Amino acid sequence: MKTVAFKNITWIDFTDPGADDVVYLQENFDIHPLAIEEFMTPTYRPKATQYESCIFLTIHIPLFDTKKRTTYPGELDIVITKDHLITGHVKGIYQLDDFFAMLEGSEGKRRLHMSKTPAHLLHSILEMLLESCFPRIDHIHKKLENIEEQVFSGKEKEMVFEISVVKRDILNFRRTLKPQRHIIESLAQMKSPLIAAELSPYFQDLTGTNIRLWNALESNKETIESMEETNNSLLSNKLDLTMKVLTIFSAIFLPMTLYSNVMSMSTNIPLSHNGEGFWIHVGVMLVISIFTIVLFWKKKWL
């Protein structure tokens, strides 16, 4: 448990809250039992619930798994009371930790973000979390540029896996981000003494930030899908070219193979007693192959 306070506002942050933390909340705060239960239970869908003495929120933050190279949702539970903002998360959320450390280390930052109400602090946290998504989208955009360069450099085969990885990352990012808009809109419309009416336009502004993020992800999604189609087309074209070359070689050697098989079926091979017989047969087969090539060229099959 970490705590930072300024004037009458206190922010308490729990990492992987357990039974002792539940007892602490029950003994020290007037929080509805259902809110405490939800605070301790993993939730796979974002939600916003208003109680008499508090507001409970569950949001999901897009986090990046460096090993699996994909985005995954990091759950953040939030309880707002008159004087406290209480947050809990099982997995570490580096953006939240950095923001908390910034407030701990700077009285000026505490004065900026913690001078009014816990709801104002919540707005600052949500704004910070949404803004932290833009560098991730910029990183995805750079990946797309690199993939485009590699695709048109003749590395279509190597890019099949890379395209799949980036496509999964974008899809997971979108799946995490979109539901959060409903929570932000709920905060903008919520009528509660814990959320000042003056905050409504600020939360609406966060909705606009969410929409801008979504539009950027939509653009990246369309780009990676187009890149995948282009890569598949180039791979298919290369495969067609390979099959065409193999087919041409097979067609050229087929008459030669037929000629040699016909000759071998006879017990008395023509020119077998001639010292130059072998080379004569080789010459005949070469003539047949040249004739086949010329025929293909005139038919424009080459």
Protein backbone atom coordinates (compact mmCIF):
# COMPACT_ATOMS: atom_id res chain seq x y z
CA MET A 1 0.00 0.00 0.00
CA LYS A 2 1.28 3.47 -0.95
CA THR A 3 -0.12 6.78 0.25
CA VAL A 4 0.32 10.36 -0.88
CA ALA A 5 -1.60 13.27 0.67
CA PHE A 6 -2.01 16.99 0.20
CA LYS A 7 -4.31 19.22 2.23
CA ASN A 8 -7.52 17.21 2.68
CA ILE A 9 -6.99 14.82 -0.25
CA THR A 10 -5.35 11.40 0.12
CA TRP A 11 -4.55 8.92 -2.62
CA ILE A 12 -4.09 5.31 -1.51
CA ASP A 13 -2.76 2.81 -4.05
CA PHE A 14 -2.88 -0.97 -3.54
CA THR A 15 -0.82 -3.38 -5.63
CA ASP A 16 -2.31 -6.90 -5.62
CA PRO A 17 -4.68 -6.19 -2.67
CA GLY A 18 -5.29 -9.08 -0.26
CA ALA A 19 -7.37 -9.96 2.77
CA ASP A 20 -5.50 -7.55 5.07
CA ASP A 21 -6.23 -4.71 2.69
CA VAL A 22 -9.94 -5.57 2.75
CA VAL A 23 -9.92 -5.38 6.56
CA TYR A 24 -8.11 -2.04 6.36
CA LEU A 25 -10.74 -0.60 4.00
CA GLN A 26 -13.62 -1.92 6.09
CA GLU A 27 -12.22 -0.50 9.32
CA ASN A 28 -11.14 2.91 8.08
CA PHE A 29 -13.59 3.93 5.34
CA ASP A 30 -17.31 4.19 4.86
CA ILE A 31 -17.31 2.15 1.65
CA HIS A 32 -20.28 0.08 0.54
CA PRO A 33 -19.63 -3.68 1.01
CA LEU A 34 -20.43 -4.34 -2.66
CA ALA A 35 -17.79 -1.81 -3.69
CA ILE A 36 -15.21 -3.54 -1.49
CA GLU A 37 -16.18 -6.92 -2.94
CA GLU A 38 -15.83 -5.62 -6.48
CA PHE A 39 -12.54 -3.96 -5.53
CA MET A 40 -11.11 -7.39 -4.67
CA THR A 41 -12.66 -9.34 -7.55
CA PRO A 42 -11.21 -9.35 -11.08
CA THR A 43 -13.58 -7.70 -13.55
CA TYR A 44 -13.31 -8.29 -17.27
CA ARG A 45 -15.68 -5.49 -18.26
CA PRO A 46 -15.36 -1.82 -17.27
CA LYS A 47 -18.08 -0.50 -15.01
CA ALA A 48 -19.11 2.58 -13.06
CA THR A 49 -21.36 2.25 -10.00
CA GLN A 50 -22.61 5.02 -7.73
CA TYR A 51 -23.27 4.29 -4.04
CA GLU A 52 -24.42 6.60 -1.26
CA SER A 53 -20.98 7.10 0.25
CA CYS A 54 -18.69 6.38 -2.71
CA ILE A 55 -18.30 5.77 -6.43
CA PHE A 56 -16.73 2.59 -7.73
CA LEU A 57 -15.05 2.35 -11.14
CA THR A 58 -13.30 -0.41 -13.04
CA ILE A 59 -11.29 0.59 -16.08
CA HIS A 60 -8.74 -1.27 -18.20
CA ILE A 61 -5.43 0.22 -19.27
CA PRO A 62 -3.73 -0.92 -22.51
CA LEU A 63 -0.41 -2.43 -21.39
CA PHE A 64 2.26 -4.06 -23.56
CA ASP A 65 3.70 -7.53 -22.99
CA THR A 66 7.28 -7.41 -24.31
CA LYS A 67 7.61 -11.21 -24.43
CA LYS A 68 4.38 -11.90 -26.30
CA ARG A 69 4.68 -8.59 -28.19
CA THR A 70 1.04 -7.68 -27.77
CA THR A 71 -1.23 -5.35 -25.85
CA TYR A 72 -3.28 -6.67 -22.93
CA PRO A 73 -5.78 -5.00 -20.57
CA GLY A 74 -4.52 -4.05 -17.12
CA GLU A 75 -7.41 -3.73 -14.66
CA LEU A 76 -7.54 -0.67 -12.42
CA ASP A 77 -10.20 -0.48 -9.69
CA ILE A 78 -11.00 2.96 -8.28
CA VAL A 79 -13.03 4.05 -5.27
CA ILE A 80 -13.87 7.73 -4.77
CA THR A 81 -14.95 9.00 -1.35
CA LYS A 82 -15.28 12.50 0.00
CA ASP A 83 -11.58 12.87 0.89
CA HIS A 84 -9.91 9.80 -0.61
CA LEU A 85 -9.09 8.27 -3.95
CA ILE A 86 -8.36 4.56 -3.59
CA THR A 87 -6.89 2.55 -6.45
CA GLY A 88 -6.09 -1.14 -6.74
CA HIS A 89 -4.48 -3.25 -9.43
CA VAL A 90 -3.06 -6.77 -9.56
CA LYS A 91 -0.45 -6.11 -12.24
CA GLY A 92 1.93 -3.20 -12.21
CA ILE A 93 0.83 -0.18 -14.25
CA TYR A 94 4.01 1.78 -14.90
CA GLN A 95 2.17 4.96 -15.97
CA LEU A 96 0.29 5.03 -12.67
CA ASP A 97 3.45 4.29 -10.66
CA ASP A 98 5.32 7.10 -12.41
CA PHE A 99 2.48 9.55 -11.77
CA PHE A 100 2.31 8.52 -8.10
CA ALA A 101 6.08 8.94 -7.73
CA MET A 102 5.86 12.37 -9.38
CA LEU A 103 3.28 13.50 -6.82
CA GLU A 104 5.35 12.11 -3.95
CA GLY A 105 8.45 13.94 -5.12
CA SER A 106 6.97 17.34 -5.93
CA GLU A 107 4.84 19.57 -3.73
CA GLY A 108 4.09 21.71 -6.78
CA LYS A 109 2.60 18.70 -8.60
CA ARG A 110 0.55 17.82 -5.51
CA ARG A 111 -0.73 21.38 -5.39
CA LEU A 112 -1.64 21.18 -9.08
CA HIS A 113 -3.47 17.84 -8.98
CA MET A 114 -4.61 17.42 -5.35
CA SER A 115 -5.82 20.87 -4.28
CA LYS A 116 -9.52 20.37 -4.94
CA THR A 117 -11.32 17.01 -4.73
CA PRO A 118 -10.57 13.32 -5.35
CA ALA A 119 -12.64 13.59 -8.55
CA HIS A 120 -10.26 16.26 -9.85
CA LEU A 121 -7.36 13.93 -9.07
CA LEU A 122 -9.21 11.13 -10.89
CA HIS A 123 -9.52 13.36 -13.96
CA SER A 124 -5.76 13.99 -13.89
CA ILE A 125 -5.07 10.24 -13.65
CA LEU A 126 -7.42 9.36 -16.50
CA GLU A 127 -5.98 12.14 -18.65
CA MET A 128 -2.46 10.87 -17.98
CA LEU A 129 -3.42 7.26 -18.79
CA LEU A 130 -5.09 8.21 -22.08
CA GLU A 131 -2.26 10.49 -23.14
CA SER A 132 0.22 7.66 -22.44
CA CYS A 133 -1.45 5.65 -25.23
CA PHE A 134 -0.29 8.03 -27.98
CA PRO A 135 3.42 7.01 -27.80
CA ARG A 136 2.29 3.37 -28.10
CA ILE A 137 0.33 4.21 -31.23
CA ASP A 138 3.35 6.08 -32.62
CA HIS A 139 5.43 2.94 -31.99
CA ILE A 140 2.89 0.84 -33.90
CA HIS A 141 3.05 3.35 -36.75
CA LYS A 142 6.84 2.97 -36.93
CA LYS A 143 6.40 -0.81 -37.06
CA LEU A 144 4.03 -0.40 -39.98
CA GLU A 145 6.54 1.77 -41.83
CA ASN A 146 9.26 -0.84 -41.26
CA ILE A 147 6.96 -3.65 -42.47
CA GLU A 148 6.10 -1.67 -45.61
CA GLU A 149 9.80 -1.15 -46.35
CA GLN A 150 10.58 -4.85 -45.84
CA VAL A 151 7.62 -6.04 -47.92
CA PHE A 152 8.76 -4.03 -50.94
CA SER A 153 12.37 -5.10 -50.40
CA GLY A 154 11.57 -8.69 -51.30
CA LYS A 155 11.15 -10.03 -47.75
CA GLU A 156 7.51 -11.03 -48.06
CA LYS A 157 8.02 -14.41 -46.43
CA GLU A 158 9.69 -12.96 -43.32
CA MET A 159 6.94 -10.36 -42.95
CA VAL A 160 4.07 -12.86 -42.74
CA PHE A 161 4.73 -13.43 -39.03
CA GLU A 162 5.53 -9.76 -38.30
CA ILE A 163 2.28 -8.63 -39.90
CA SER A 164 0.35 -11.15 -37.79
CA VAL A 165 2.03 -9.92 -34.58
CA VAL A 166 1.28 -6.24 -35.28
CA LYS A 167 -2.26 -7.05 -36.39
CA ARG A 168 -2.92 -8.91 -33.11
CA ASP A 169 -1.42 -6.00 -31.14
CA ILE A 170 -3.72 -3.48 -32.85
CA LEU A 171 -6.80 -5.66 -32.37
CA ASN A 172 -6.06 -6.17 -28.65
CA PHE A 173 -5.39 -2.44 -28.25
CA ARG A 174 -8.77 -1.62 -29.83
CA ARG A 175 -10.55 -4.26 -27.74
CA THR A 176 -9.13 -2.71 -24.56
CA LEU A 177 -9.64 0.94 -25.44
CA LYS A 178 -13.16 1.11 -26.85
CA PRO A 179 -15.17 0.11 -23.72
CA GLN A 180 -13.45 2.81 -21.64
CA ARG A 181 -15.34 5.52 -23.53
CA HIS A 182 -18.57 4.45 -21.83
CA ILE A 183 -17.00 4.90 -18.37
CA ILE A 184 -15.71 8.38 -19.18
CA GLU A 185 -19.10 9.38 -20.56
CA SER A 186 -20.74 8.04 -17.40
CA LEU A 187 -18.50 10.26 -15.26
CA ALA A 188 -19.39 13.29 -17.40
CA GLN A 189 -23.11 12.64 -16.90
CA MET A 190 -23.04 11.39 -13.30
CA LYS A 191 -24.96 13.47 -10.76
CA SER A 192 -23.12 13.00 -7.48
CA PRO A 193 -21.89 15.27 -4.71
CA LEU A 194 -18.52 13.51 -5.09
CA ILE A 195 -18.11 14.81 -8.66
CA ALA A 196 -18.40 18.57 -9.09
CA ALA A 197 -20.56 19.78 -11.96
CA GLU A 198 -17.61 21.83 -13.23
CA LEU A 199 -15.80 18.57 -14.07
CA SER A 200 -18.37 17.50 -16.67
CA PRO A 201 -16.76 19.34 -19.63
CA TYR A 202 -13.34 18.01 -18.57
CA PHE A 203 -14.54 14.42 -18.68
CA GLN A 204 -16.21 15.15 -22.02
CA ASP A 205 -12.83 16.36 -23.25
CA LEU A 206 -11.38 12.97 -22.19
CA THR A 207 -14.06 11.33 -24.32
CA GLY A 208 -12.70 13.31 -27.25
CA THR A 209 -9.19 12.06 -26.44
CA ASN A 210 -10.51 8.49 -26.42
CA ILE A 211 -12.10 9.07 -29.84
CA ARG A 212 -8.84 10.44 -31.25
CA LEU A 213 -7.02 7.34 -30.01
CA TRP A 214 -9.69 5.12 -31.54
CA ASN A 215 -9.43 6.90 -34.91
CA ALA A 216 -5.66 6.47 -34.91
CA LEU A 217 -6.07 2.75 -34.18
CA GLU A 218 -8.67 2.45 -36.93
CA SER A 219 -6.20 3.99 -39.36
CA ASN A 220 -3.48 1.56 -38.24
CA LYS A 221 -5.91 -1.34 -38.54
CA GLU A 222 -6.77 -0.42 -42.13
CA THR A 223 -3.07 0.02 -42.92
CA ILE A 224 -2.02 -3.38 -41.57
CA GLU A 225 -4.91 -5.11 -43.34
CA SER A 226 -3.94 -3.46 -46.64
CA MET A 227 -0.31 -4.37 -46.01
CA GLU A 228 -1.32 -7.97 -45.36
CA GLU A 229 -3.25 -8.10 -48.65
CA THR A 230 -0.30 -6.60 -50.52
CA ASN A 231 2.14 -9.03 -48.92
CA ASN A 232 -0.09 -11.99 -49.76
CA SER A 233 -0.42 -10.77 -53.35
CA LEU A 234 3.36 -10.50 -53.73
CA LEU A 235 3.85 -13.94 -52.20
CA SER A 236 1.21 -15.39 -54.50
CA ASN A 237 2.85 -13.72 -57.49
CA LYS A 238 6.23 -15.19 -56.54
CA LEU A 239 4.68 -18.63 -56.12
CA ASP A 240 2.97 -18.34 -59.51
CA LEU A 241 6.25 -17.35 -61.11
CA THR A 242 8.03 -20.32 -59.51
CA MET A 243 5.33 -22.71 -60.68
CA LYS A 244 5.49 -21.20 -64.17
CA VAL A 245 9.27 -21.77 -64.36
CA LEU A 246 8.92 -25.36 -63.12
CA THR A 247 6.12 -26.01 -65.60
CA ILE A 248 8.19 -24.61 -68.49
CA PHE A 249 11.16 -26.80 -67.54
CA SER A 250 8.88 -29.83 -67.32
CA ALA A 251 7.35 -29.05 -70.72
CA ILE A 252 10.80 -28.59 -72.31
CA PHE A 253 12.16 -31.85 -70.92
CA LEU A 254 9.01 -33.86 -71.63
CA PRO A 255 9.71 -34.38 -75.40
CA MET A 256 13.34 -35.22 -74.60
CA THR A 257 12.21 -37.75 -71.99
CA LEU A 258 9.70 -39.24 -74.45
CA TYR A 259 12.41 -39.54 -77.14
CA SER A 260 14.86 -41.26 -74.79
CA ASN A 261 12.18 -43.65 -73.53
CA VAL A 262 11.18 -44.60 -77.09
CA MET A 263 14.81 -45.28 -77.93
CA SER A 264 15.29 -47.42 -74.85
CA MET A 265 12.23 -49.56 -75.70
CA SER A 266 14.00 -50.93 -78.77
CA THR A 267 16.42 -53.83 -78.29
CA ASN A 268 18.36 -52.50 -81.25
CA ILE A 269 18.88 -48.81 -80.56
CA PRO A 270 19.44 -46.86 -83.76
CA LEU A 271 23.05 -45.85 -84.28
CA SER A 272 24.10 -47.97 -81.32
CA HIS A 273 27.10 -49.26 -83.26
CA ASN A 274 28.07 -45.80 -84.43
CA GLY A 275 30.85 -44.21 -82.42
CA GLU A 276 29.05 -40.89 -82.60
CA GLY A 277 25.60 -42.38 -81.90
CA PHE A 278 25.37 -41.02 -78.35
CA TRP A 279 26.13 -37.48 -79.42
CA ILE A 280 23.71 -37.76 -82.34
CA HIS A 281 20.89 -38.70 -79.95
CA VAL A 282 21.90 -35.87 -77.59
CA GLY A 283 21.84 -33.48 -80.54
CA VAL A 284 18.37 -34.67 -81.56
CA MET A 285 17.10 -34.08 -78.01
CA LEU A 286 18.64 -30.60 -77.97
CA VAL A 287 16.95 -29.80 -81.28
CA ILE A 288 13.63 -30.98 -79.80
CA SER A 289 14.13 -28.80 -76.73
CA ILE A 290 15.07 -25.76 -78.84
CA PHE A 291 12.00 -26.34 -80.99
CA THR A 292 9.86 -26.49 -77.82
CA ILE A 293 11.36 -23.26 -76.49
CA VAL A 294 10.79 -21.47 -79.81
CA LEU A 295 7.20 -22.74 -79.88
CA PHE A 296 6.58 -21.45 -76.34
CA TRP A 297 8.17 -18.12 -77.24
CA LYS A 298 5.98 -17.68 -80.33
CA LYS A 299 2.88 -18.59 -78.30
CA LYS A 300 4.02 -15.97 -75.73
CA TRP A 301 3.99 -18.54 -72.96
CA LEU A 302 7.49 -17.48 -71.88
